Amino acid sequence: MFKRTKRIVGLDYGYATIRAAEVELAADGSYRLLKWGTVPTPEGALDNEGKVLDPARLAAGLKEVLRESGITTKKVVTMIPAAGLVIRNFIMPFMDVVELREAAIWEGSQYLPYPVEETTYDIIPIYYQNPEQSSDAEVILIAAHSPEVERLMQAFHQAKLEVVGIDAGPLALARALGIGKVDPQNLPPRQIIDDPLGEAAATGYGIDGGISEAIIDLGSGTTDVAIFRDAYIRISRSFTIGGCQFEERIAERLGLELGEAHQIKLTKASINVDGIVPLGDDEETKIGQAVQEVAEEMVEEMQRSLDYYRAQNGWIPIDRIVVTGAGVRMPGMVEYLHNILGVQIELADPLQNLVRADNFPSDVEAYSGAIGLALWKVNTE
């Protein structure tokens, strides 16, 4: 008897856009991207960090993106954006997995900005399968505020969709972008890097905590940095510098409305790859100044995130950085990040594990979240 095909829709939402991707697990075991689409997020539906303000407006946007893309599948997977998550790792005594789950939330409550009773969470034990090697278990806590999850579910219920899974945004991106699957032989040799105390970081792979990979998601309302070691998420940080800030700075410099500034960003804005802020008072120069200033603020926050991870892990290098999100399309962005961060930058390719559609839009990286969400459940539903 032949295996049945299965279809799941990933729905990724943000301050500016809602994206859908329908993925099929075919009878031959391949993953196929069937349909996809993007619509603007209805005004007032979300704040700039992706929190739901009006479930009814978000529901309208969800129905519109499915209608525009021709998707009729009602089983969907969605996510909580990075800005709405608390992700922390800590050490716990080794114990039964059920007991560990119950104990870890109380241990992790010190990191929560809301009461435990208002927390929706998951626990990921690391190396739990090898208890003979250690009396401790490292635990990753991923938590969200339950009222926010409830508002999100209201929107999907009003859109008459069956939510079969809610994932963490950074984990969906990692799934689509092959985090944890890179062959060390394809990575450049590590260079010795001294920490501020003068102690050299480890230089080999596999003996110092494994491979470190980062995803930088350049969104409209936020930029999110997630760092993984051996496929496990270790740090997730979100800051409110994104595409909207470029538009706001351009509008401020030129005395324009945001709509006009948005068009200028799309058609005239570019980043100086060497990080040089131009001098002058003409319109072109003012645009360059506005863009470069925001880019500097953005990359400074990125660097802080990378340095924090390095400081916590013996100053080992970041071996791989993948950039995704609509912001990577700004001319000069990828080259600028490479020059300033000093690490090779890869442009996201969420189609790497799928049968490619010839007519897929050129901004493929913007669909990383939606595709990663669909891939999570298409195997199990």
Protein backbone atom coordinates (compact mmCIF):
# COMPACT_ATOMS: atom_id res chain seq x y z
CA MET A 1 0.00 0.00 0.00
CA PHE A 2 1.33 3.44 -0.92
CA LYS A 3 1.91 6.06 1.75
CA ARG A 4 -0.55 8.92 1.70
CA THR A 5 0.68 12.41 1.06
CA LYS A 6 0.34 14.88 3.92
CA ARG A 7 0.00 18.64 3.77
CA ILE A 8 0.59 21.27 6.42
CA VAL A 9 0.57 25.06 6.21
CA GLY A 10 3.11 27.17 8.06
CA LEU A 11 1.82 30.63 8.97
CA ASP A 12 4.47 33.17 9.93
CA TYR A 13 3.25 36.59 11.02
CA GLY A 14 4.98 39.85 11.83
CA TYR A 15 4.46 43.57 12.18
CA ALA A 16 4.51 44.21 8.43
CA THR A 17 3.61 40.93 6.71
CA ILE A 18 1.91 37.56 7.08
CA ARG A 19 3.41 34.69 5.09
CA ALA A 20 2.02 31.24 4.34
CA ALA A 21 3.74 28.15 2.94
CA GLU A 22 2.01 24.86 2.21
CA VAL A 23 4.38 21.88 2.34
CA GLU A 24 3.56 18.34 1.27
CA LEU A 25 5.26 15.14 2.37
CA ALA A 26 4.92 13.15 -0.84
CA ALA A 27 4.56 9.38 -1.12
CA ASP A 28 8.18 9.11 -2.24
CA GLY A 29 9.40 10.80 0.96
CA SER A 30 10.25 14.14 -0.61
CA TYR A 31 9.08 17.50 0.68
CA ARG A 32 7.33 19.69 -1.86
CA LEU A 33 6.43 23.34 -1.55
CA LEU A 34 2.97 23.53 -3.10
CA LYS A 35 1.70 27.06 -2.52
CA TRP A 36 2.83 30.21 -0.80
CA GLY A 37 1.79 33.81 -0.32
CA THR A 38 2.35 37.11 1.44
CA VAL A 39 -0.05 39.87 2.47
CA PRO A 40 0.42 43.03 4.56
CA THR A 41 -0.43 42.61 8.23
CA PRO A 42 -3.69 44.50 8.93
CA GLU A 43 -2.99 47.77 10.68
CA GLY A 44 -3.49 47.51 14.43
CA ALA A 45 -3.34 43.70 14.50
CA LEU A 46 0.15 43.47 16.05
CA ASP A 47 2.66 45.68 17.78
CA ASN A 48 6.16 46.05 16.37
CA GLU A 49 7.38 43.03 18.39
CA GLY A 50 4.71 40.76 16.93
CA LYS A 51 2.40 40.67 19.96
CA VAL A 52 -1.29 40.34 19.14
CA LEU A 53 -3.23 43.53 19.79
CA ASP A 54 -6.45 42.69 17.94
CA PRO A 55 -7.22 38.99 17.26
CA ALA A 56 -10.03 39.86 14.84
CA ARG A 57 -7.74 41.95 12.64
CA LEU A 58 -5.07 39.26 12.67
CA ALA A 59 -7.74 36.68 11.76
CA ALA A 60 -8.69 38.80 8.75
CA GLY A 61 -5.05 38.83 7.62
CA LEU A 62 -4.75 35.06 8.05
CA LYS A 63 -7.82 34.44 5.91
CA GLU A 64 -6.55 36.88 3.28
CA VAL A 65 -3.11 35.24 2.91
CA LEU A 66 -4.70 31.81 2.43
CA ARG A 67 -7.18 33.22 -0.07
CA GLU A 68 -4.50 35.07 -2.05
CA SER A 69 -2.23 32.00 -2.16
CA GLY A 70 -5.02 29.58 -3.05
CA ILE A 71 -4.38 27.42 0.03
CA THR A 72 -7.39 25.40 1.20
CA THR A 73 -5.65 23.20 3.79
CA LYS A 74 -6.96 24.07 7.26
CA LYS A 75 -4.27 22.35 9.36
CA VAL A 76 -1.71 25.00 10.22
CA VAL A 77 1.36 25.51 12.37
CA THR A 78 2.24 28.95 13.71
CA MET A 79 4.77 30.38 16.13
CA ILE A 80 5.56 32.76 18.95
CA PRO A 81 8.07 35.37 17.69
CA ALA A 82 11.46 35.69 19.35
CA ALA A 83 10.48 38.94 21.06
CA GLY A 84 7.67 37.09 22.89
CA LEU A 85 9.88 34.27 24.20
CA VAL A 86 12.08 33.67 27.21
CA ILE A 87 14.85 31.21 26.33
CA ARG A 88 17.35 30.27 29.04
CA ASN A 89 19.66 27.32 29.72
CA PHE A 90 20.79 26.17 33.16
CA ILE A 91 21.99 23.08 35.03
CA MET A 92 19.65 20.81 36.99
CA PRO A 93 20.28 17.61 38.96
CA PHE A 94 19.65 14.51 36.87
CA MET A 95 16.14 13.13 37.45
CA ASP A 96 13.22 11.50 35.74
CA VAL A 97 12.11 13.51 32.70
CA VAL A 98 8.64 14.18 34.15
CA GLU A 99 10.12 15.40 37.42
CA LEU A 100 12.72 17.42 35.52
CA ARG A 101 10.00 19.20 33.55
CA GLU A 102 8.15 20.14 36.73
CA ALA A 103 11.27 21.21 38.62
CA ALA A 104 12.84 23.17 35.77
CA ILE A 105 10.01 25.66 35.45
CA TRP A 106 10.43 26.66 39.08
CA GLU A 107 14.19 26.88 38.72
CA GLY A 108 13.71 28.96 35.59
CA SER A 109 11.07 31.22 37.14
CA GLN A 110 13.80 33.68 38.08
CA TYR A 111 14.15 34.49 34.37
CA LEU A 112 10.43 35.05 33.76
CA PRO A 113 8.91 38.57 33.64
CA TYR A 114 5.50 37.09 34.55
CA PRO A 115 4.23 34.54 37.12
CA VAL A 116 4.79 30.83 36.55
CA GLU A 117 1.02 30.38 36.61
CA GLU A 118 0.79 32.55 33.48
CA THR A 119 3.49 30.65 31.60
CA THR A 120 3.24 28.35 28.60
CA TYR A 121 6.56 26.53 28.34
CA ASP A 122 8.60 23.60 27.13
CA ILE A 123 11.73 22.02 28.57
CA ILE A 124 14.54 20.55 26.45
CA PRO A 125 16.98 18.35 28.44
CA ILE A 126 20.44 18.12 26.85
CA TYR A 127 22.47 14.90 27.05
CA TYR A 128 19.66 13.40 29.03
CA GLN A 129 20.14 10.16 27.12
CA ASN A 130 23.58 9.61 28.76
CA PRO A 131 22.94 9.69 32.51
CA GLU A 132 26.00 7.49 33.22
CA GLN A 133 28.25 10.30 31.99
CA SER A 134 26.99 12.98 34.36
CA SER A 135 24.92 13.49 37.48
CA ASP A 136 23.55 16.72 36.00
CA ALA A 137 21.33 17.61 33.06
CA GLU A 138 21.58 20.86 31.15
CA VAL A 139 18.11 22.23 30.53
CA ILE A 140 16.78 24.72 27.99
CA LEU A 141 13.62 26.54 29.05
CA ILE A 142 11.45 28.04 26.31
CA ALA A 143 8.57 30.05 27.72
CA ALA A 144 5.85 32.44 26.57
CA HIS A 145 3.20 34.47 28.35
CA SER A 146 -0.03 32.46 28.34
CA PRO A 147 -2.35 35.45 27.73
CA GLU A 148 -0.39 36.20 24.53
CA VAL A 149 -0.74 32.58 23.40
CA GLU A 150 -4.47 32.76 24.12
CA ARG A 151 -4.88 35.93 22.01
CA LEU A 152 -3.02 34.23 19.19
CA MET A 153 -5.28 31.20 19.39
CA GLN A 154 -8.34 33.46 19.32
CA ALA A 155 -7.18 34.85 15.99
CA PHE A 156 -6.75 31.40 14.44
CA HIS A 157 -10.07 30.23 15.83
CA GLN A 158 -11.80 33.25 14.29
CA ALA A 159 -10.07 32.45 11.00
CA LYS A 160 -11.55 28.91 11.25
CA LEU A 161 -8.13 27.24 11.15
CA GLU A 162 -6.99 24.12 13.03
CA VAL A 163 -3.74 24.86 14.84
CA VAL A 164 -1.81 21.60 15.10
CA GLY A 165 1.31 23.15 16.59
CA ILE A 166 2.79 26.37 18.00
CA ASP A 167 6.55 26.55 17.66
CA ALA A 168 9.21 28.99 18.82
CA GLY A 169 10.12 31.32 15.96
CA PRO A 170 13.90 30.73 16.19
CA LEU A 171 13.42 26.94 16.12
CA ALA A 172 11.31 27.16 12.96
CA LEU A 173 14.07 29.15 11.26
CA ALA A 174 16.71 26.64 12.38
CA ARG A 175 14.68 23.77 10.93
CA ALA A 176 14.36 25.42 7.54
CA LEU A 177 17.97 26.57 7.35
CA GLY A 178 19.76 23.35 8.29
CA ILE A 179 21.12 24.45 11.65
CA GLY A 180 22.96 21.55 13.26
CA LYS A 181 23.49 19.73 9.96
CA VAL A 182 26.58 21.47 8.64
CA ASP A 183 29.64 19.32 7.95
CA PRO A 184 32.67 20.71 9.87
CA GLN A 185 34.80 19.98 6.80
CA ASN A 186 32.84 22.65 4.96
CA LEU A 187 33.66 25.29 7.57
CA PRO A 188 36.79 27.47 7.43
CA PRO A 189 39.58 26.71 9.94
CA ARG A 190 39.09 28.40 13.25
CA GLN A 191 41.45 31.18 14.14
CA ILE A 192 42.83 31.66 17.64
CA ILE A 193 40.94 34.48 19.32
CA ASP A 194 42.01 35.83 22.69
CA ASP A 195 39.41 36.82 25.24
CA PRO A 196 39.78 40.08 27.23
CA LEU A 197 41.71 38.19 29.92
CA GLY A 198 44.26 36.98 27.40
CA GLU A 199 43.24 33.31 27.41
CA ALA A 200 43.08 31.79 23.92
CA ALA A 201 39.83 30.23 22.81
CA ALA A 202 39.72 26.64 21.64
CA THR A 203 40.48 26.26 17.96
CA GLY A 204 39.20 22.81 16.95
CA TYR A 205 35.76 21.41 16.23
CA GLY A 206 34.13 18.79 18.38
CA ILE A 207 36.36 19.19 21.47
CA ASP A 208 35.25 22.57 22.76
CA GLY A 209 31.47 22.48 22.81
CA GLY A 210 30.90 21.83 19.14
CA ILE A 211 29.85 24.02 16.25
CA SER A 212 28.34 27.43 16.92
CA GLU A 213 25.83 28.78 14.40
CA ALA A 214 23.82 31.99 14.44
CA ILE A 215 20.67 33.07 12.66
CA ILE A 216 20.09 36.79 12.20
CA ASP A 217 16.50 37.55 11.21
CA LEU A 218 16.12 41.06 9.80
CA GLY A 219 12.44 41.85 10.22
CA SER A 220 10.36 45.00 9.93
CA GLY A 221 9.79 45.69 13.62
CA THR A 222 12.70 43.80 15.16
CA THR A 223 16.00 42.13 14.46
CA ASP A 224 16.36 38.72 16.12
CA VAL A 225 19.62 36.93 16.88
CA ALA A 226 19.52 33.23 17.79
CA ILE A 227 22.69 31.24 18.49
CA PHE A 228 22.87 27.45 18.46
CA ARG A 229 25.55 25.02 19.56
CA ASP A 230 25.33 21.50 18.12
CA ALA A 231 21.74 22.26 17.02
CA TYR A 232 20.57 23.29 20.51
CA ILE A 233 19.47 26.88 20.95
CA ARG A 234 21.56 28.71 23.54
CA ILE A 235 20.74 32.39 23.13
CA SER A 236 17.80 34.23 21.60
CA ARG A 237 17.70 37.99 21.64
CA SER A 238 15.37 40.46 19.96
CA PHE A 239 15.79 44.22 19.67
CA THR A 240 13.52 46.83 18.12
CA ILE A 241 15.71 47.92 15.25
CA GLY A 242 14.32 46.70 11.94
CA GLY A 243 13.11 47.82 8.56
CA CYS A 244 10.66 50.29 10.07
CA GLN A 245 13.48 52.16 11.77
CA PHE A 246 15.16 52.80 8.42
CA GLU A 247 11.92 54.31 7.16
CA GLU A 248 11.41 56.41 10.28
CA ARG A 249 14.95 57.83 10.09
CA ILE A 250 14.59 58.64 6.39
CA ALA A 251 11.23 60.34 7.05
CA GLU A 252 12.78 62.34 9.87
CA ARG A 253 15.77 63.49 7.78
CA LEU A 254 13.75 64.44 4.70
CA GLY A 255 10.57 65.66 6.42
CA LEU A 256 8.39 63.02 4.69
CA GLU A 257 5.44 60.82 5.55
CA LEU A 258 6.27 57.20 6.39
CA GLY A 259 4.66 55.95 3.18
CA GLU A 260 6.98 58.10 1.10
CA ALA A 261 9.97 57.04 3.20
CA HIS A 262 9.02 53.40 2.65
CA GLN A 263 9.20 53.84 -1.12
CA ILE A 264 12.55 55.59 -0.84
CA LYS A 265 13.89 52.72 1.26
CA LEU A 266 12.80 50.26 -1.41
CA THR A 267 14.15 52.20 -4.38
CA LYS A 268 17.01 54.45 -3.25
CA ALA A 269 18.42 53.23 0.07
CA SER A 270 21.65 51.25 0.28
CA ILE A 271 24.27 50.53 2.93
CA ASN A 272 27.91 51.48 2.56
CA VAL A 273 29.66 48.13 2.95
CA ASP A 274 32.66 49.79 4.63
CA GLY A 275 30.45 51.47 7.23
CA ILE A 276 31.16 55.03 6.09
CA VAL A 277 28.56 57.69 6.90
CA PRO A 278 28.47 60.16 3.97
CA LEU A 279 28.82 63.91 4.47
CA GLY A 280 26.64 66.52 2.79
CA ASP A 281 23.19 68.07 2.75
CA ASP A 282 21.59 66.95 -0.51
CA GLU A 283 18.74 64.44 -0.56
CA GLU A 284 20.82 61.43 -1.64
CA THR A 285 23.37 62.09 1.09
CA LYS A 286 20.68 62.51 3.75
CA ILE A 287 19.21 59.16 2.75
CA GLY A 288 22.66 57.59 3.04
CA GLN A 289 23.22 59.16 6.44
CA ALA A 290 19.88 57.93 7.78
CA VAL A 291 20.42 54.40 6.51
CA GLN A 292 23.99 54.14 7.74
CA GLU A 293 23.15 55.40 11.22
CA VAL A 294 20.43 52.78 11.68
CA ALA A 295 22.68 50.08 10.26
CA GLU A 296 25.39 50.99 12.79
CA GLU A 297 22.92 50.78 15.67
CA MET A 298 21.65 47.45 14.38
CA VAL A 299 25.06 45.82 13.97
CA GLU A 300 26.17 47.09 17.39
CA GLU A 301 23.29 45.16 18.97
CA MET A 302 24.14 42.10 16.89
CA GLN A 303 27.75 42.28 18.06
CA ARG A 304 26.65 42.47 21.69
CA SER A 305 24.65 39.27 21.27
CA LEU A 306 27.54 37.44 19.62
CA ASP A 307 30.03 38.67 22.24
CA TYR A 308 27.75 37.64 25.10
CA TYR A 309 27.61 34.10 23.73
CA ARG A 310 31.37 34.00 23.23
CA ALA A 311 31.99 35.26 26.76
CA GLN A 312 29.75 32.52 28.17
CA ASN A 313 31.52 29.80 26.16
CA GLY A 314 35.25 30.37 26.43
CA TRP A 315 35.35 32.94 23.62
CA ILE A 316 34.93 30.30 20.93
CA PRO A 317 34.23 31.77 17.50
CA ILE A 318 30.86 31.81 15.77
CA ASP A 319 31.43 29.31 12.98
CA ARG A 320 28.49 30.17 10.74
CA ILE A 321 25.99 33.05 10.44
CA VAL A 322 22.88 32.75 8.30
CA VAL A 323 20.85 35.89 7.60
CA THR A 324 17.18 35.84 6.73
CA GLY A 325 14.15 38.12 6.67
CA ALA A 326 13.03 40.86 4.32
CA GLY A 327 15.87 43.17 5.43
CA VAL A 328 18.57 41.17 3.67
CA ARG A 329 17.36 42.61 0.36
CA MET A 330 18.62 46.12 1.14
CA PRO A 331 21.61 46.67 -1.17
CA GLY A 332 24.89 46.26 0.70
CA MET A 333 23.39 44.64 3.80
CA VAL A 334 25.00 41.20 3.56
CA GLU A 335 28.43 42.59 2.63
CA TYR A 336 28.21 45.17 5.42
CA LEU A 337 27.43 42.51 8.04
CA HIS A 338 30.34 40.39 6.81
CA ASN A 339 32.78 43.31 6.99
CA ILE A 340 31.71 44.52 10.44
CA LEU A 341 31.04 41.20 12.19
CA GLY A 342 34.10 39.53 10.69
CA VAL A 343 32.32 36.25 9.96
CA GLN A 344 31.30 34.75 6.64
CA ILE A 345 27.61 35.50 6.08
CA GLU A 346 25.31 33.06 4.31
CA LEU A 347 22.05 34.11 2.72
CA ALA A 348 19.21 31.89 3.93
CA ASP A 349 17.98 29.13 1.64
CA PRO A 350 14.84 27.56 3.15
CA LEU A 351 14.30 25.50 -0.01
CA GLN A 352 17.43 23.43 0.51
CA ASN A 353 15.47 20.37 1.68
CA LEU A 354 12.46 20.77 -0.62
CA VAL A 355 11.66 20.03 -4.23
CA ARG A 356 12.03 23.50 -5.68
CA ALA A 357 9.26 25.27 -7.50
CA ASP A 358 10.47 27.12 -10.61
CA ASN A 359 8.14 30.06 -10.04
CA PHE A 360 9.03 30.70 -6.40
CA PRO A 361 9.61 34.42 -5.73
CA SER A 362 13.14 35.77 -5.58
CA ASP A 363 12.84 36.80 -1.92
CA VAL A 364 12.96 33.15 -0.86
CA GLU A 365 14.68 33.93 2.44
CA ALA A 366 11.61 35.80 3.69
CA TYR A 367 9.72 32.48 3.73
CA SER A 368 12.18 30.73 6.07
CA GLY A 369 9.86 30.92 9.08
CA ALA A 370 6.73 29.70 7.28
CA ILE A 371 8.56 26.79 5.64
CA GLY A 372 10.24 25.78 8.91
CA LEU A 373 6.88 25.74 10.67
CA ALA A 374 5.31 23.50 8.04
CA LEU A 375 8.26 21.09 8.08
CA TRP A 376 7.84 20.62 11.84
CA LYS A 377 4.46 18.90 11.62
CA VAL A 378 4.15 17.54 8.10
CA ASN A 379 5.93 14.35 9.25
CA THR A 380 3.62 13.66 12.17
CA GLU A 381 0.13 14.75 11.19
